[in-house]
Protein backbone atom coordinates (compact mmCIF):
# COMPACT_ATOMS: atom_id res chain seq x y z
CA MET A 1 -18.79 -14.40 -20.18
CA SER A 2 -18.85 -12.68 -16.99
CA GLU A 3 -17.94 -14.53 -13.72
CA MET A 4 -18.24 -13.90 -10.12
CA ARG A 5 -15.26 -14.82 -7.99
CA PHE A 6 -14.88 -14.92 -4.20
CA ASN A 7 -11.99 -13.23 -2.53
CA PRO A 8 -11.55 -15.28 0.77
CA ILE A 9 -9.06 -12.27 2.57
CA THR A 10 -11.35 -9.45 2.09
CA ARG A 11 -14.74 -11.46 1.96
CA ASP A 12 -15.60 -10.00 -1.25
CA TRP A 13 -17.63 -11.14 -4.45
CA VAL A 14 -16.09 -9.48 -7.55
CA ILE A 15 -17.94 -9.89 -10.82
CA LEU A 16 -15.10 -10.19 -13.69
CA ALA A 17 -16.96 -8.67 -16.54
CA PRO A 18 -14.09 -8.16 -19.35
CA GLY A 19 -16.95 -7.54 -22.05
CA ARG A 20 -17.05 -4.00 -20.54
CA SER A 21 -13.70 -3.05 -21.90
CA ASN A 22 -11.91 -4.01 -24.97
CA LYS A 23 -8.44 -5.19 -24.06
CA PRO A 24 -6.15 -4.83 -20.88
CA ASN A 25 -4.06 -2.42 -22.79
CA ASP A 26 -7.03 0.27 -23.09
CA PHE A 27 -6.50 1.20 -19.83
CA ARG A 28 -3.57 3.13 -20.84
CA ALA A 29 -5.99 5.53 -22.22
CA ALA A 30 -7.54 5.86 -18.57
CA THR A 31 -4.47 7.98 -17.50
CA LYS A 32 -3.49 11.38 -19.16
CA PRO A 33 0.32 11.82 -19.74
CA ARG A 34 2.07 13.53 -17.09
CA ALA A 35 3.74 16.92 -17.56
CA ALA A 36 7.35 17.13 -17.59
CA ARG A 37 8.52 18.30 -13.89
CA PRO A 38 11.80 19.79 -12.90
CA GLN A 39 14.56 17.87 -10.81
CA VAL A 40 13.83 20.90 -8.30
CA ARG A 41 10.85 23.25 -7.80
CA PRO A 42 11.48 26.52 -5.88
CA ASP A 43 7.88 26.65 -4.30
CA CYS A 44 7.94 22.65 -3.26
CA PRO A 45 8.27 22.46 0.18
CA PHE A 46 10.04 19.08 0.17
CA CYS A 47 12.81 19.97 -2.50
CA VAL A 48 16.15 20.36 -1.81
CA GLY A 49 16.98 23.99 -0.55
CA ASN A 50 13.41 24.47 0.55
CA GLU A 51 13.92 22.67 4.03
CA GLY A 52 14.02 25.75 6.07
CA PRO A 53 12.67 25.41 9.89
CA GLN A 54 10.71 22.46 9.04
CA PRO A 55 10.74 19.68 12.31
CA GLU A 56 12.24 16.62 11.24
CA VAL A 57 11.45 13.34 12.73
CA ALA A 58 13.99 10.87 11.12
CA ARG A 59 16.20 10.75 8.13
CA LEU A 60 18.86 8.82 5.74
CA SER A 61 21.93 10.53 4.67
CA ALA A 62 24.24 10.05 2.02
CA PRO A 63 28.08 9.70 2.96
CA ASP A 64 28.35 13.49 1.85
CA GLY A 65 25.76 14.52 4.49
CA SER A 66 22.79 15.50 2.09
CA TRP A 67 19.53 13.52 2.87
CA LEU A 68 18.46 10.76 0.96
CA THR A 69 14.61 10.30 2.59
CA ARG A 70 13.16 12.23 5.20
CA VAL A 71 10.33 11.81 7.69
CA LEU A 72 8.30 15.07 8.58
CA PRO A 73 5.33 15.98 10.64
CA ASN A 74 2.54 16.26 8.14
CA LYS A 75 1.94 20.32 8.17
CA PHE A 76 -1.73 19.26 7.91
CA PRO A 77 -2.29 16.19 9.99
CA ALA A 78 -5.55 13.98 10.33
CA LEU A 79 -4.67 13.21 13.73
CA SER A 80 -2.44 15.08 16.53
CA PRO A 81 -0.62 13.82 19.62
CA THR A 82 -2.10 13.71 22.74
CA GLU A 83 -2.62 11.55 26.02
CA ASP A 84 -6.39 12.30 26.53
CA LEU A 85 -8.73 10.74 24.57
CA CYS A 86 -11.80 12.63 25.57
CA ARG A 87 -14.09 10.22 25.34
CA PHE A 88 -17.80 11.06 25.08
CA THR A 89 -20.87 8.83 24.66
CA HIS A 90 -24.50 9.93 24.65
CA GLY A 91 -27.07 6.95 23.58
CA THR A 92 -25.86 6.46 19.93
CA PHE A 93 -23.54 9.21 19.66
CA ARG A 94 -19.82 8.49 20.41
CA SER A 95 -16.69 10.28 19.87
CA ILE A 96 -13.14 10.44 21.14
CA ALA A 97 -9.98 12.81 20.53
CA ALA A 98 -8.38 12.62 17.04
CA ALA A 99 -5.22 11.55 18.89
CA GLY A 100 -2.18 9.92 17.12
CA MET A 101 0.50 10.88 14.78
CA HIS A 102 0.35 11.89 10.64
CA GLU A 103 3.81 11.66 9.53
CA VAL A 104 5.34 12.61 5.82
CA VAL A 105 8.18 10.42 4.31
CA VAL A 106 9.80 12.29 1.63
CA GLU A 107 11.00 9.55 -0.50
CA HIS A 108 13.87 11.50 -2.63
CA PRO A 109 15.42 14.85 -3.06
CA ARG A 110 14.64 14.96 -6.78
CA HIS A 111 10.89 16.26 -7.57
CA ASP A 112 10.89 14.74 -10.79
CA LEU A 113 11.16 10.76 -9.62
CA THR A 114 8.63 8.36 -9.34
CA LEU A 115 9.43 5.02 -7.04
CA ALA A 116 9.09 3.49 -10.30
CA GLY A 117 12.39 5.38 -11.36
CA MET A 118 14.29 4.89 -8.12
CA GLU A 119 16.96 2.28 -7.44
CA PRO A 120 16.01 -0.36 -5.78
CA ALA A 121 18.63 0.39 -3.16
CA HIS A 122 17.01 3.53 -2.43
CA LEU A 123 13.72 1.92 -2.00
CA ALA A 124 15.16 -0.27 0.37
CA GLY A 125 16.14 2.95 2.43
CA ILE A 126 12.40 3.90 2.43
CA LEU A 127 11.11 0.64 3.52
CA TRP A 128 13.81 0.78 6.48
CA LEU A 129 12.65 4.04 7.52
CA TYR A 130 9.15 2.82 7.19
CA ARG A 131 9.92 -0.14 9.57
CA GLU A 132 11.84 2.24 11.91
CA ARG A 133 8.79 4.73 11.89
CA TYR A 134 6.51 1.71 12.61
CA ARG A 135 8.32 0.53 15.58
CA ALA A 136 8.74 4.15 17.43
CA LEU A 137 4.88 4.42 16.78
CA ARG A 138 3.57 1.42 17.89
CA ALA A 139 5.57 2.15 21.41
CA ASP A 140 2.79 4.89 22.21
CA PRO A 141 0.08 3.29 24.40
CA VAL A 142 -2.61 5.34 22.50
CA ILE A 143 -1.72 3.63 19.12
CA GLU A 144 -3.82 0.81 17.99
CA SER A 145 -3.27 0.82 14.38
CA ILE A 146 -0.40 2.13 11.96
CA VAL A 147 -1.09 2.56 8.41
CA ILE A 148 1.47 3.22 5.74
CA PHE A 149 0.25 4.67 2.45
CA LYS A 150 1.05 6.31 -0.96
CA ASN A 151 -0.91 8.21 -3.33
CA HIS A 152 0.22 8.57 -6.72
CA GLY A 153 -1.18 11.19 -8.93
CA GLU A 154 -4.34 13.22 -8.97
CA ARG A 155 -6.91 10.49 -9.01
CA ALA A 156 -5.03 8.52 -5.89
CA GLY A 157 -5.44 11.70 -3.98
CA THR A 158 -2.08 13.01 -3.93
CA SER A 159 -2.06 17.06 -3.30
CA LEU A 160 1.82 17.34 -3.78
CA GLU A 161 3.98 16.39 -7.05
CA HIS A 162 7.09 15.66 -4.86
CA PRO A 163 7.35 11.88 -4.54
CA HIS A 164 6.32 11.07 -0.69
CA SER A 165 4.31 8.72 1.25
CA GLN A 166 2.43 8.99 4.73
CA ILE A 167 2.46 7.17 7.99
CA VAL A 168 -0.75 7.55 9.97
CA ALA A 169 -1.29 6.02 13.55
CA ALA A 170 -4.34 5.84 15.10
CA PRO A 171 -6.27 5.28 18.30
CA ILE A 172 -8.94 3.02 16.74
CA VAL A 173 -8.97 -0.16 14.55
CA SER A 174 -11.15 0.21 11.40
CA SER A 175 -14.23 -2.01 10.65
CA THR A 176 -12.31 -3.49 7.66
CA VAL A 177 -9.34 -4.33 9.71
CA ARG A 178 -11.56 -6.09 12.48
CA THR A 179 -13.66 -8.14 9.71
CA ARG A 180 -10.29 -9.42 8.05
CA LEU A 181 -8.73 -10.24 11.14
CA GLU A 182 -11.96 -12.08 12.60
CA GLU A 183 -12.03 -13.94 9.36
CA ALA A 184 -8.62 -14.89 9.36
CA THR A 185 -8.85 -16.42 12.88
CA ARG A 186 -12.08 -18.01 11.91
CA PHE A 187 -9.90 -19.92 9.04
CA HIS A 188 -7.26 -20.48 11.25
CA GLU A 189 -9.39 -22.20 13.85
CA GLU A 190 -11.19 -24.35 11.40
CA SER A 191 -8.34 -25.31 9.08
CA GLY A 192 -5.13 -25.02 11.64
CA GLU A 193 -3.67 -23.09 8.56
CA CYS A 194 -3.05 -19.18 7.95
CA LEU A 195 -5.69 -18.30 5.39
CA PHE A 196 -2.99 -15.77 3.85
CA CYS A 197 -0.20 -18.63 3.46
CA ARG A 198 -2.71 -20.75 2.09
CA VAL A 199 -3.69 -18.15 -0.48
CA LEU A 200 -0.27 -17.65 -1.34
CA ALA A 201 0.09 -21.47 -1.70
CA ASP A 202 -2.61 -21.81 -4.13
CA GLU A 203 -1.63 -19.03 -6.20
CA LEU A 204 2.08 -20.39 -6.72
CA GLU A 205 0.58 -23.80 -7.22
CA ALA A 206 -1.61 -22.17 -10.26
CA ARG A 207 0.92 -19.98 -11.29
CA GLU A 208 -1.48 -18.12 -13.81
CA ARG A 209 -1.46 -14.69 -11.78
CA LEU A 210 2.08 -14.59 -10.59
CA LEU A 211 4.39 -11.68 -11.23
CA GLU A 212 7.28 -11.69 -9.18
CA VAL A 213 8.62 -14.82 -7.58
CA GLU A 214 11.57 -14.65 -5.11
CA PRO A 215 12.79 -16.68 -1.95
CA GLY A 216 11.26 -14.36 0.41
CA PHE A 217 8.38 -12.47 -1.25
CA VAL A 218 5.83 -13.20 -4.23
CA ALA A 219 3.91 -10.62 -6.18
CA PHE A 220 0.60 -11.73 -7.82
CA VAL A 221 -2.85 -10.36 -9.37
CA PRO A 222 -5.20 -12.10 -6.85
CA TYR A 223 -7.68 -14.71 -8.15
CA ALA A 224 -10.34 -12.28 -7.19
CA ALA A 225 -8.97 -8.88 -7.69
CA LEU A 226 -11.04 -5.95 -6.52
CA SER A 227 -10.28 -3.65 -9.57
CA PRO A 228 -8.06 -3.84 -12.60
CA PHE A 229 -4.35 -4.66 -12.30
CA HIS A 230 -4.69 -5.04 -8.45
CA ILE A 231 -1.28 -5.93 -6.95
CA TRP A 232 -0.57 -7.93 -3.76
CA ILE A 233 3.01 -8.42 -2.43
CA PHE A 234 3.28 -11.36 0.15
CA PRO A 235 6.11 -12.29 2.26
CA ARG A 236 6.62 -15.96 2.38
CA ARG A 237 7.79 -16.29 5.95
CA HIS A 238 4.63 -15.87 7.94
CA ALA A 239 4.58 -12.68 9.99
CA SER A 240 1.82 -10.72 11.28
CA SER A 241 3.15 -7.19 11.68
CA PHE A 242 5.19 -5.42 8.88
CA ASP A 243 7.59 -3.84 11.80
CA THR A 244 9.13 -7.73 11.90
CA ILE A 245 10.51 -7.62 8.44
CA SER A 246 14.29 -8.12 8.93
CA ASP A 247 17.31 -6.25 7.47
CA ALA A 248 17.88 -8.96 5.39
CA GLU A 249 14.51 -8.86 3.88
CA ILE A 250 13.98 -5.33 3.15
CA PRO A 251 16.25 -5.40 -0.26
CA GLU A 252 14.57 -8.28 -1.50
CA LEU A 253 10.94 -6.82 -0.85
CA ALA A 254 12.49 -3.29 -2.51
CA THR A 255 13.65 -5.09 -5.62
CA VAL A 256 10.10 -7.09 -5.84
CA LEU A 257 8.35 -4.01 -5.16
CA SER A 258 10.59 -1.91 -7.85
CA ARG A 259 10.12 -4.40 -10.50
CA VAL A 260 6.13 -4.37 -10.02
CA LEU A 261 6.06 -0.93 -9.89
CA ARG A 262 8.17 -0.31 -13.32
CA ARG A 263 5.83 -3.31 -14.78
CA LEU A 264 2.88 -0.90 -14.11
CA SER A 265 4.54 2.17 -15.33
CA THR A 266 5.53 0.63 -18.42
CA SER A 267 2.22 -1.17 -19.15
CA LEU A 268 -0.09 1.27 -18.19
CA ASP A 269 1.94 4.65 -18.98
CA ASP A 270 2.72 5.37 -15.21
CA PRO A 271 -1.00 5.13 -13.96
CA ASP A 272 -2.35 6.90 -10.85
CA PHE A 273 -2.33 4.28 -7.75
CA ASN A 274 -2.62 3.80 -4.23
CA PHE A 275 -0.44 1.33 -2.04
CA THR A 276 -0.68 0.54 1.67
CA ILE A 277 1.01 -2.00 3.60
CA ARG A 278 -1.41 -3.88 5.60
CA SER A 279 -0.52 -5.27 8.93
CA VAL A 280 -2.23 -6.78 12.18
CA PRO A 281 -3.69 -3.76 14.89
CA VAL A 282 -0.82 -3.12 17.28
CA SER A 283 -2.22 -4.75 20.45
CA GLU A 284 -2.66 -7.95 18.62
CA GLY A 285 1.23 -8.67 18.61
CA GLU A 286 2.34 -11.53 16.96
CA ASN A 287 -0.58 -13.35 15.53
CA GLN A 288 -0.92 -17.02 13.92
CA SER A 289 -4.10 -15.95 12.04
CA TYR A 290 -2.79 -12.76 10.09
CA HIS A 291 -0.22 -12.06 7.80
CA TRP A 292 1.10 -8.98 6.57
CA TYR A 293 1.19 -7.79 2.89
CA LEU A 294 1.48 -4.98 0.52
CA ALA A 295 -1.19 -3.84 -1.65
CA ILE A 296 -0.87 -1.80 -5.21
CA VAL A 297 -3.94 -0.29 -6.37
CA PRO A 298 -3.99 1.38 -9.86
CA ARG A 299 -6.67 4.04 -10.25
CA THR A 300 -7.59 2.91 -13.82
CA ASN A 301 -11.50 3.20 -12.86
CA GLN A 302 -13.88 4.46 -10.85
CA MET A 303 -16.45 3.06 -8.45
CA ALA A 304 -20.01 3.45 -9.84
CA GLY A 305 -23.39 3.31 -8.45
CA PHE A 306 -23.51 -0.41 -8.70
CA GLU A 307 -20.50 -0.71 -6.49
CA LEU A 308 -21.69 1.79 -3.78
CA GLY A 309 -25.36 0.39 -3.77
CA SER A 310 -24.44 -3.26 -3.33
CA GLY A 311 -20.93 -3.49 -2.01
CA ILE A 312 -20.01 -5.83 -4.98
CA PHE A 313 -17.05 -4.61 -6.97
CA ILE A 314 -16.82 -5.17 -10.99
CA ASN A 315 -13.55 -5.84 -12.51
CA SER A 316 -13.53 -5.35 -16.16
CA VAL A 317 -10.19 -7.25 -16.56
CA ARG A 318 -9.44 -10.86 -15.76
CA PRO A 319 -6.63 -11.32 -13.27
CA GLU A 320 -5.00 -13.75 -15.54
CA ASP A 321 -4.85 -11.21 -18.63
CA ALA A 322 -3.98 -8.36 -16.20
CA ALA A 323 -0.95 -10.48 -14.92
CA ALA A 324 -0.03 -11.70 -18.61
CA VAL A 325 0.24 -7.75 -19.67
CA LEU A 326 2.42 -6.90 -16.45
CA ARG A 327 4.73 -9.85 -16.96
CA ALA A 328 5.18 -8.96 -20.55
CA ALA A 329 6.44 -5.42 -19.82
CA VAL A 330 10.19 -4.86 -19.86
CA VAL A 331 11.66 -3.88 -16.64
């Protein structure tokens, strides 16, 4: 029987309709096998030997001096650096300059590796660079929001095979982020609690949807997951901004992220997915209402007319069933 559940963080109602698919494992068929890739491609701009004159923002190097992870300016940026926002308003027409920064994080020298195939220690290096770039970008007075994200596979929007993620620092805060922040603030004012901490406590008590439970981080499929196999990774320590993650916490987050991605890859045959780190707007500073977290969204299905027309999501896999499938994966 179908059921409607409410997600208090996103403010979305979700229809759980397991009858629309046979079983969770059927989502393996939703992804096509990936063609074998070489370790190095001569025509890939991110591969070793093809670095050329590309400017470099930051890097992590091996003891022999070779690079492990690099940060580059995006060659085709959505936003470009400028101190003049060039604001324009005329009636309901409003615009500003597309000011900001758009960077690419080349995650590994090898062309054929995915995040799931990398060692947790290497993932820790990537997360460390994320944090350092976040701290550097937030110092720019133009910047209001910083989004760290990864597109894995064609259905997730990637345009290059080589493992990479992106960082976009923008001069505005989206309505989605504002709405979530306002709801978190309202909950905190009414209850005295952080909404995210409360959700995490409830998930830990229920235990039905947990994937990884560590001293500092917990991974779970949300009670009202917006799509099949949607996963959240929450830090237990309350912090509103990702750049407050400590050196000691990064390796543990890397281990949890590695295990979750391997569970996904094993259970669903390396599905296309997006992940993003959701953090408080830059101008908010440390906030008792908001709680940063990492979201992973496998692209196992597509939004259709009902979702677009109503704004209500349909999830054809019960979160409890998705969590059971992922927990059963050998990692």
